Amino acid sequence: MKGNMAQHIVTETQEEVTKVEQTRPKKVIRTTTKVVPPLVTEEPPQKAYNTKKAIFRTYQVLWYVLGIIEVLLIFQTVVKTRRSECF
């Protein structure tokens, strides 16, 4: 994963365009434009979607398992409490 991060270095290019108007020859208008490529250039959208989907599914399974464990612990506590009240 660290190798992929090195590939996502953003480079900036700067163009400078000088325009001279014919109505006033002494006035020079300078326009500067920065061209920055998008951050995600190499990874296709479908691959990014599949990666995010897999991560989301992993979180869902993890929370499902933790929920089941929590319900079992609550059930165990209730059963122990009921048993101690009987005597």
PDB file of N, CA and C in Angstrom:
ATOM      1  N   MET A   1       0.828  -1.187   0.000  1.00  0.00           N
ATOM      2  CA  MET A   1       0.000   0.000   0.000  1.00  0.00           C
ATOM      3  C   MET A   1       0.874   1.251   0.000  1.00  0.00           C
ATOM      4  N   LYS A   2       2.039   1.176   0.665  1.00  0.00           N
ATOM      5  CA  LYS A   2       2.915   2.341   0.676  1.00  0.00           C
ATOM      6  C   LYS A   2       3.453   2.633  -0.710  1.00  0.00           C
ATOM      7  N   GLY A   3       3.627   1.600  -1.525  1.00  0.00           N
ATOM      8  CA  GLY A   3       4.095   1.804  -2.891  1.00  0.00           C
ATOM      9  C   GLY A   3       3.095   2.593  -3.713  1.00  0.00           C
ATOM     10  N   ASN A   4       1.794   2.366  -3.460  1.00  0.00           N
ATOM     11  CA  ASN A   4       0.757   3.096  -4.190  1.00  0.00           C
ATOM     12  C   ASN A   4       0.739   4.567  -3.801  1.00  0.00           C
ATOM     13  N   MET A   5       1.067   4.853  -2.548  1.00  0.00           N
ATOM     14  CA  MET A   5       1.027   6.240  -2.094  1.00  0.00           C
ATOM     15  C   MET A   5       2.106   7.063  -2.785  1.00  0.00           C
ATOM     16  N   ALA A   6       3.233   6.440  -3.094  1.00  0.00           N
ATOM     17  CA  ALA A   6       4.303   7.163  -3.763  1.00  0.00           C
ATOM     18  C   ALA A   6       3.917   7.510  -5.193  1.00  0.00           C
ATOM     19  N   GLN A   7       3.033   6.750  -5.789  1.00  0.00           N
ATOM     20  CA  GLN A   7       2.614   6.999  -7.155  1.00  0.00           C
ATOM     21  C   GLN A   7       1.602   8.133  -7.252  1.00  0.00           C
ATOM     22  N   HIS A   8       0.999   8.532  -6.141  1.00  0.00           N
ATOM     23  CA  HIS A   8      -0.048   9.551  -6.155  1.00  0.00           C
ATOM     24  C   HIS A   8       0.499  10.940  -5.839  1.00  0.00           C
ATOM     25  N   ILE A   9       1.726  11.212  -6.199  1.00  0.00           N
ATOM     26  CA  ILE A   9       2.302  12.529  -5.968  1.00  0.00           C
ATOM     27  C   ILE A   9       1.726  13.486  -7.009  1.00  0.00           C
ATOM     28  N   VAL A  10       1.229  14.615  -6.525  1.00  0.00           N
ATOM     29  CA  VAL A  10       0.599  15.590  -7.407  1.00  0.00           C
ATOM     30  C   VAL A  10       1.668  16.571  -7.879  1.00  0.00           C
ATOM     31  N   THR A  11       1.730  16.720  -9.158  1.00  0.00           N
ATOM     32  CA  THR A  11       2.666  17.692  -9.718  1.00  0.00           C
ATOM     33  C   THR A  11       1.872  18.867 -10.267  1.00  0.00           C
ATOM     34  N   GLU A  12       2.404  20.037 -10.075  1.00  0.00           N
ATOM     35  CA  GLU A  12       1.744  21.239 -10.570  1.00  0.00           C
ATOM     36  C   GLU A  12       2.517  21.766 -11.757  1.00  0.00           C
ATOM     37  N   THR A  13       1.784  22.145 -12.750  1.00  0.00           N
ATOM     38  CA  THR A  13       2.400  22.830 -13.881  1.00  0.00           C
ATOM     39  C   THR A  13       1.790  24.212 -13.953  1.00  0.00           C
ATOM     40  N   GLN A  14       2.582  25.147 -14.377  1.00  0.00           N
ATOM     41  CA  GLN A  14       2.102  26.518 -14.426  1.00  0.00           C
ATOM     42  C   GLN A  14       2.392  27.087 -15.803  1.00  0.00           C
ATOM     43  N   GLU A  15       1.348  27.629 -16.399  1.00  0.00           N
ATOM     44  CA  GLU A  15       1.487  28.255 -17.706  1.00  0.00           C
ATOM     45  C   GLU A  15       1.325  29.757 -17.550  1.00  0.00           C
ATOM     46  N   GLU A  16       2.086  30.473 -18.306  1.00  0.00           N
ATOM     47  CA  GLU A  16       1.954  31.922 -18.263  1.00  0.00           C
ATOM     48  C   GLU A  16       1.678  32.424 -19.672  1.00  0.00           C
ATOM     49  N   VAL A  17       0.552  33.085 -19.817  1.00  0.00           N
ATOM     50  CA  VAL A  17       0.145  33.591 -21.125  1.00  0.00           C
ATOM     51  C   VAL A  17       0.142  35.114 -21.057  1.00  0.00           C
ATOM     52  N   THR A  18       0.793  35.735 -21.983  1.00  0.00           N
ATOM     53  CA  THR A  18       0.826  37.197 -22.034  1.00  0.00           C
ATOM     54  C   THR A  18       0.037  37.647 -23.252  1.00  0.00           C
ATOM     55  N   LYS A  19      -0.923  38.511 -23.009  1.00  0.00           N
ATOM     56  CA  LYS A  19      -1.741  39.040 -24.094  1.00  0.00           C
ATOM     57  C   LYS A  19      -1.524  40.547 -24.180  1.00  0.00           C
ATOM     58  N   VAL A  20      -1.468  41.051 -25.368  1.00  0.00           N
ATOM     59  CA  VAL A  20      -1.330  42.484 -25.586  1.00  0.00           C
ATOM     60  C   VAL A  20      -2.565  42.939 -26.359  1.00  0.00           C
ATOM     61  N   GLU A  21      -3.266  43.911 -25.791  1.00  0.00           N
ATOM     62  CA  GLU A  21      -4.446  44.437 -26.466  1.00  0.00           C
ATOM     63  C   GLU A  21      -4.027  45.451 -27.527  1.00  0.00           C
ATOM     64  N   GLN A  22      -4.751  45.464 -28.615  1.00  0.00           N
ATOM     65  CA  GLN A  22      -4.423  46.370 -29.719  1.00  0.00           C
ATOM     66  C   GLN A  22      -4.889  47.796 -29.437  1.00  0.00           C
ATOM     67  N   THR A  23      -5.896  47.980 -28.586  1.00  0.00           N
ATOM     68  CA  THR A  23      -6.403  49.333 -28.342  1.00  0.00           C
ATOM     69  C   THR A  23      -5.412  50.153 -27.538  1.00  0.00           C
ATOM     70  N   ARG A  24      -4.745  49.547 -26.599  1.00  0.00           N
ATOM     71  CA  ARG A  24      -3.746  50.237 -25.785  1.00  0.00           C
ATOM     72  C   ARG A  24      -2.448  49.435 -25.836  1.00  0.00           C
ATOM     73  N   PRO A  25      -1.597  49.717 -26.738  1.00  0.00           N
ATOM     74  CA  PRO A  25      -0.399  48.895 -26.910  1.00  0.00           C
ATOM     75  C   PRO A  25       0.552  48.924 -25.714  1.00  0.00           C
ATOM     76  N   LYS A  26       0.466  49.922 -24.857  1.00  0.00           N
ATOM     77  CA  LYS A  26       1.375  50.011 -23.723  1.00  0.00           C
ATOM     78  C   LYS A  26       0.949  49.119 -22.559  1.00  0.00           C
ATOM     79  N   LYS A  27      -0.290  48.681 -22.575  1.00  0.00           N
ATOM     80  CA  LYS A  27      -0.803  47.872 -21.465  1.00  0.00           C
ATOM     81  C   LYS A  27      -0.635  46.388 -21.786  1.00  0.00           C
ATOM     82  N   VAL A  28      -0.035  45.653 -20.862  1.00  0.00           N
ATOM     83  CA  VAL A  28       0.177  44.222 -21.028  1.00  0.00           C
ATOM     84  C   VAL A  28      -0.654  43.509 -19.974  1.00  0.00           C
ATOM     85  N   ILE A  29      -1.473  42.589 -20.424  1.00  0.00           N
ATOM     86  CA  ILE A  29      -2.303  41.798 -19.503  1.00  0.00           C
ATOM     87  C   ILE A  29      -1.652  40.427 -19.359  1.00  0.00           C
ATOM     88  N   ARG A  30      -1.393  40.024 -18.133  1.00  0.00           N
ATOM     89  CA  ARG A  30      -0.744  38.751 -17.874  1.00  0.00           C
ATOM     90  C   ARG A  30      -1.745  37.840 -17.150  1.00  0.00           C
ATOM     91  N   THR A  31      -2.009  36.691 -17.739  1.00  0.00           N
ATOM     92  CA  THR A  31      -2.917  35.714 -17.149  1.00  0.00           C
ATOM     93  C   THR A  31      -2.117  34.476 -16.765  1.00  0.00           C
ATOM     94  N   THR A  32      -2.248  34.053 -15.519  1.00  0.00           N
ATOM     95  CA  THR A  32      -1.542  32.863 -15.050  1.00  0.00           C
ATOM     96  C   THR A  32      -2.574  31.794 -14.727  1.00  0.00           C
ATOM     97  N   THR A  33      -2.354  30.598 -15.246  1.00  0.00           N
ATOM     98  CA  THR A  33      -3.273  29.487 -15.035  1.00  0.00           C
ATOM     99  C   THR A  33      -2.508  28.321 -14.426  1.00  0.00           C
ATOM    100  N   LYS A  34      -3.038  27.760 -13.350  1.00  0.00           N
ATOM    101  CA  LYS A  34      -2.442  26.570 -12.751  1.00  0.00           C
ATOM    102  C   LYS A  34      -3.227  25.359 -13.212  1.00  0.00           C
ATOM    103  N   VAL A  35      -2.521  24.361 -13.686  1.00  0.00           N
ATOM    104  CA  VAL A  35      -3.139  23.119 -14.121  1.00  0.00           C
ATOM    105  C   VAL A  35      -2.700  22.037 -13.146  1.00  0.00           C
ATOM    106  N   VAL A  36      -3.663  21.497 -12.392  1.00  0.00           N
ATOM    107  CA  VAL A  36      -3.360  20.457 -11.409  1.00  0.00           C
ATOM    108  C   VAL A  36      -4.154  19.213 -11.798  1.00  0.00           C
ATOM    109  N   PRO A  37      -3.473  18.096 -12.001  1.00  0.00           N
ATOM    110  CA  PRO A  37      -4.192  16.866 -12.333  1.00  0.00           C
ATOM    111  C   PRO A  37      -4.978  16.361 -11.124  1.00  0.00           C
ATOM    112  N   PRO A  38      -6.027  15.579 -11.326  1.00  0.00           N
ATOM    113  CA  PRO A  38      -6.805  15.060 -10.201  1.00  0.00           C
ATOM    114  C   PRO A  38      -5.961  14.123  -9.339  1.00  0.00           C
ATOM    115  N   LEU A  39      -6.350  13.993  -8.060  1.00  0.00           N
ATOM    116  CA  LEU A  39      -5.587  13.168  -7.128  1.00  0.00           C
ATOM    117  C   LEU A  39      -5.603  11.691  -7.508  1.00  0.00           C
ATOM    118  N   VAL A  40      -6.740  11.183  -7.919  1.00  0.00           N
ATOM    119  CA  VAL A  40      -6.839   9.770  -8.295  1.00  0.00           C
ATOM    120  C   VAL A  40      -6.762   9.694  -9.809  1.00  0.00           C
ATOM    121  N   THR A  41      -5.594   9.332 -10.296  1.00  0.00           N
ATOM    122  CA  THR A  41      -5.426   9.283 -11.743  1.00  0.00           C
ATOM    123  C   THR A  41      -5.249   7.863 -12.252  1.00  0.00           C
ATOM    124  N   GLU A  42      -4.704   6.970 -11.433  1.00  0.00           N
ATOM    125  CA  GLU A  42      -4.351   5.650 -11.923  1.00  0.00           C
ATOM    126  C   GLU A  42      -5.395   4.585 -11.607  1.00  0.00           C
ATOM    127  N   GLU A  43      -6.212   4.794 -10.605  1.00  0.00           N
ATOM    128  CA  GLU A  43      -7.161   3.776 -10.196  1.00  0.00           C
ATOM    129  C   GLU A  43      -8.507   4.004 -10.886  1.00  0.00           C
ATOM    130  N   PRO A  44      -8.989   3.003 -11.621  1.00  0.00           N
ATOM    131  CA  PRO A  44     -10.288   3.172 -12.282  1.00  0.00           C
ATOM    132  C   PRO A  44     -11.425   3.228 -11.255  1.00  0.00           C
ATOM    133  N   PRO A  45     -12.529   3.884 -11.592  1.00  0.00           N
ATOM    134  CA  PRO A  45     -13.631   4.045 -10.643  1.00  0.00           C
ATOM    135  C   PRO A  45     -14.215   2.716 -10.161  1.00  0.00           C
ATOM    136  N   GLN A  46     -14.297   1.718 -11.018  1.00  0.00           N
ATOM    137  CA  GLN A  46     -14.879   0.443 -10.613  1.00  0.00           C
ATOM    138  C   GLN A  46     -14.009  -0.237  -9.565  1.00  0.00           C
ATOM    139  N   LYS A  47     -12.702  -0.132  -9.702  1.00  0.00           N
ATOM    140  CA  LYS A  47     -11.798  -0.738  -8.725  1.00  0.00           C
ATOM    141  C   LYS A  47     -11.924  -0.027  -7.380  1.00  0.00           C
ATOM    142  N   ALA A  48     -12.026   1.289  -7.395  1.00  0.00           N
ATOM    143  CA  ALA A  48     -12.198   2.051  -6.160  1.00  0.00           C
ATOM    144  C   ALA A  48     -13.517   1.679  -5.495  1.00  0.00           C
ATOM    145  N   TYR A  49     -14.571   1.535  -6.288  1.00  0.00           N
ATOM    146  CA  TYR A  49     -15.872   1.149  -5.753  1.00  0.00           C
ATOM    147  C   TYR A  49     -15.801  -0.234  -5.114  1.00  0.00           C
ATOM    148  N   ASN A  50     -15.157  -1.186  -5.783  1.00  0.00           N
ATOM    149  CA  ASN A  50     -15.056  -2.542  -5.240  1.00  0.00           C
ATOM    150  C   ASN A  50     -14.251  -2.565  -3.947  1.00  0.00           C
ATOM    151  N   THR A  51     -13.206  -1.750  -3.865  1.00  0.00           N
ATOM    152  CA  THR A  51     -12.406  -1.677  -2.646  1.00  0.00           C
ATOM    153  C   THR A  51     -13.236  -1.127  -1.492  1.00  0.00           C
ATOM    154  N   LYS A  52     -13.954  -0.043  -1.746  1.00  0.00           N
ATOM    155  CA  LYS A  52     -14.789   0.547  -0.696  1.00  0.00           C
ATOM    156  C   LYS A  52     -15.898  -0.413  -0.277  1.00  0.00           C
ATOM    157  N   LYS A  53     -16.453  -1.135  -1.237  1.00  0.00           N
ATOM    158  CA  LYS A  53     -17.517  -2.087  -0.939  1.00  0.00           C
ATOM    159  C   LYS A  53     -16.990  -3.211  -0.045  1.00  0.00           C
ATOM    160  N   ALA A  54     -15.783  -3.690  -0.321  1.00  0.00           N
ATOM    161  CA  ALA A  54     -15.193  -4.758   0.485  1.00  0.00           C
ATOM    162  C   ALA A  54     -14.918  -4.283   1.909  1.00  0.00           C
ATOM    163  N   ILE A  55     -14.425  -3.065   2.041  1.00  0.00           N
ATOM    164  CA  ILE A  55     -14.170  -2.513   3.375  1.00  0.00           C
ATOM    165  C   ILE A  55     -15.479  -2.357   4.135  1.00  0.00           C
ATOM    166  N   PHE A  56     -16.505  -1.848   3.478  1.00  0.00           N
ATOM    167  CA  PHE A  56     -17.807  -1.669   4.121  1.00  0.00           C
ATOM    168  C   PHE A  56     -18.388  -3.014   4.561  1.00  0.00           C
ATOM    169  N   ARG A  57     -18.273  -4.029   3.708  1.00  0.00           N
ATOM    170  CA  ARG A  57     -18.791  -5.359   4.035  1.00  0.00           C
ATOM    171  C   ARG A  57     -18.044  -5.942   5.243  1.00  0.00           C
ATOM    172  N   THR A  58     -16.735  -5.708   5.327  1.00  0.00           N
ATOM    173  CA  THR A  58     -15.949  -6.188   6.467  1.00  0.00           C
ATOM    174  C   THR A  58     -16.430  -5.537   7.754  1.00  0.00           C
ATOM    175  N   TYR A  59     -16.689  -4.238   7.715  1.00  0.00           N
ATOM    176  CA  TYR A  59     -17.215  -3.554   8.899  1.00  0.00           C
ATOM    177  C   TYR A  59     -18.577  -4.117   9.289  1.00  0.00           C
ATOM    178  N   GLN A  60     -19.434  -4.384   8.308  1.00  0.00           N
ATOM    179  CA  GLN A  60     -20.747  -4.943   8.617  1.00  0.00           C
ATOM    180  C   GLN A  60     -20.631  -6.287   9.318  1.00  0.00           C
ATOM    181  N   VAL A  61     -19.772  -7.164   8.817  1.00  0.00           N
ATOM    182  CA  VAL A  61     -19.597  -8.490   9.415  1.00  0.00           C
ATOM    183  C   VAL A  61     -19.027  -8.351  10.823  1.00  0.00           C
ATOM    184  N   LEU A  62     -18.058  -7.471  11.003  1.00  0.00           N
ATOM    185  CA  LEU A  62     -17.454  -7.272  12.316  1.00  0.00           C
ATOM    186  C   LEU A  62     -18.480  -6.807  13.335  1.00  0.00           C
ATOM    187  N   TRP A  63     -19.291  -5.826  12.983  1.00  0.00           N
ATOM    188  CA  TRP A  63     -20.299  -5.330  13.914  1.00  0.00           C
ATOM    189  C   TRP A  63     -21.384  -6.373  14.172  1.00  0.00           C
ATOM    190  N   TYR A  64     -21.697  -7.180  13.189  1.00  0.00           N
ATOM    191  CA  TYR A  64     -22.672  -8.255  13.379  1.00  0.00           C
ATOM    192  C   TYR A  64     -22.162  -9.259  14.402  1.00  0.00           C
ATOM    193  N   VAL A  65     -20.910  -9.671  14.280  1.00  0.00           N
ATOM    194  CA  VAL A  65     -20.321 -10.634  15.220  1.00  0.00           C
ATOM    195  C   VAL A  65     -20.256 -10.027  16.622  1.00  0.00           C
ATOM    196  N   LEU A  66     -19.837  -8.774  16.724  1.00  0.00           N
ATOM    197  CA  LEU A  66     -19.784  -8.124  18.041  1.00  0.00           C
ATOM    198  C   LEU A  66     -21.179  -7.992  18.655  1.00  0.00           C
ATOM    199  N   GLY A  67     -22.186  -7.756  17.846  1.00  0.00           N
ATOM    200  CA  GLY A  67     -23.562  -7.680  18.345  1.00  0.00           C
ATOM    201  C   GLY A  67     -24.033  -9.013  18.897  1.00  0.00           C
ATOM    202  N   ILE A  68     -23.704 -10.087  18.210  1.00  0.00           N
ATOM    203  CA  ILE A  68     -24.085 -11.425  18.691  1.00  0.00           C
ATOM    204  C   ILE A  68     -23.397 -11.717  20.018  1.00  0.00           C
ATOM    205  N   ILE A  69     -22.109 -11.395  20.128  1.00  0.00           N
ATOM    206  CA  ILE A  69     -21.388 -11.618  21.386  1.00  0.00           C
ATOM    207  C   ILE A  69     -22.008 -10.798  22.509  1.00  0.00           C
ATOM    208  N   GLU A  70     -22.389  -9.567  22.237  1.00  0.00           N
ATOM    209  CA  GLU A  70     -23.005  -8.714  23.250  1.00  0.00           C
ATOM    210  C   GLU A  70     -24.339  -9.286  23.714  1.00  0.00           C
ATOM    211  N   VAL A  71     -25.152  -9.776  22.777  1.00  0.00           N
ATOM    212  CA  VAL A  71     -26.442 -10.371  23.152  1.00  0.00           C
ATOM    213  C   VAL A  71     -26.222 -11.615  24.003  1.00  0.00           C
ATOM    214  N   LEU A  72     -25.241 -12.435  23.659  1.00  0.00           N
ATOM    215  CA  LEU A  72     -24.961 -13.631  24.456  1.00  0.00           C
ATOM    216  C   LEU A  72     -24.486 -13.274  25.864  1.00  0.00           C
ATOM    217  N   LEU A  73     -23.669 -12.233  25.991  1.00  0.00           N
ATOM    218  CA  LEU A  73     -23.225 -11.810  27.322  1.00  0.00           C
ATOM    219  C   LEU A  73     -24.384 -11.271  28.155  1.00  0.00           C
ATOM    220  N   ILE A  74     -25.275 -10.530  27.541  1.00  0.00           N
ATOM    221  CA  ILE A  74     -26.458 -10.029  28.262  1.00  0.00           C
ATOM    222  C   ILE A  74     -27.339 -11.194  28.686  1.00  0.00           C
ATOM    223  N   PHE A  75     -27.530 -12.154  27.787  1.00  0.00           N
ATOM    224  CA  PHE A  75     -28.336 -13.327  28.109  1.00  0.00           C
ATOM    225  C   PHE A  75     -27.710 -14.094  29.279  1.00  0.00           C
ATOM    226  N   GLN A  76     -26.390 -14.267  29.280  1.00  0.00           N
ATOM    227  CA  GLN A  76     -25.702 -14.963  30.360  1.00  0.00           C
ATOM    228  C   GLN A  76     -25.884 -14.227  31.681  1.00  0.00           C
ATOM    229  N   THR A  77     -25.796 -12.905  31.670  1.00  0.00           N
ATOM    230  CA  THR A  77     -25.968 -12.110  32.883  1.00  0.00           C
ATOM    231  C   THR A  77     -27.387 -12.238  33.418  1.00  0.00           C
ATOM    232  N   VAL A  78     -28.373 -12.221  32.547  1.00  0.00           N
ATOM    233  CA  VAL A  78     -29.773 -12.355  32.971  1.00  0.00           C
ATOM    234  C   VAL A  78     -30.002 -13.732  33.575  1.00  0.00           C
ATOM    235  N   VAL A  79     -29.467 -14.775  32.973  1.00  0.00           N
ATOM    236  CA  VAL A  79     -29.649 -16.136  33.491  1.00  0.00           C
ATOM    237  C   VAL A  79     -28.988 -16.268  34.857  1.00  0.00           C
ATOM    238  N   LYS A  80     -27.791 -15.722  35.041  1.00  0.00           N
ATOM    239  CA  LYS A  80     -27.117 -15.788  36.341  1.00  0.00           C
ATOM    240  C   LYS A  80     -27.886 -15.022  37.410  1.00  0.00           C
ATOM    241  N   THR A  81     -28.440 -13.883  37.027  1.00  0.00           N
ATOM    242  CA  THR A  81     -29.214 -13.093  37.966  1.00  0.00           C
ATOM    243  C   THR A  81     -30.478 -13.832  38.385  1.00  0.00           C
ATOM    244  N   ARG A  82     -31.155 -14.463  37.445  1.00  0.00           N
ATOM    245  CA  ARG A  82     -32.370 -15.225  37.755  1.00  0.00           C
ATOM    246  C   ARG A  82     -32.060 -16.423  38.648  1.00  0.00           C
ATOM    247  N   ARG A  83     -30.938 -17.092  38.398  1.00  0.00           N
ATOM    248  CA  ARG A  83     -30.563 -18.240  39.210  1.00  0.00           C
ATOM    249  C   ARG A  83     -30.269 -17.834  40.644  1.00  0.00           C
ATOM    250  N   SER A  84     -29.617 -16.695  40.833  1.00  0.00           N
ATOM    251  CA  SER A  84     -29.270 -16.273  42.185  1.00  0.00           C
ATOM    252  C   SER A  84     -30.514 -15.828  42.961  1.00  0.00           C
ATOM    253  N   GLU A  85     -31.579 -15.386  42.279  1.00  0.00           N
ATOM    254  CA  GLU A  85     -32.797 -14.968  42.953  1.00  0.00           C
ATOM    255  C   GLU A  85     -33.633 -16.154  43.412  1.00  0.00           C
ATOM    256  N   CYS A  86     -33.426 -17.296  42.796  1.00  0.00           N
ATOM    257  CA  CYS A  86     -34.225 -18.484  43.153  1.00  0.00           C
ATOM    258  C   CYS A  86     -33.868 -19.014  44.520  1.00  0.00           C
ATOM    259  N   PHE A  87     -32.638 -18.856  44.985  1.00  0.00           N
ATOM    260  CA  PHE A  87     -32.225 -19.455  46.267  1.00  0.00           C
ATOM    261  C   PHE A  87     -32.421 -18.525  47.376  1.00  0.00           C
TER     262      PHE A  87
END
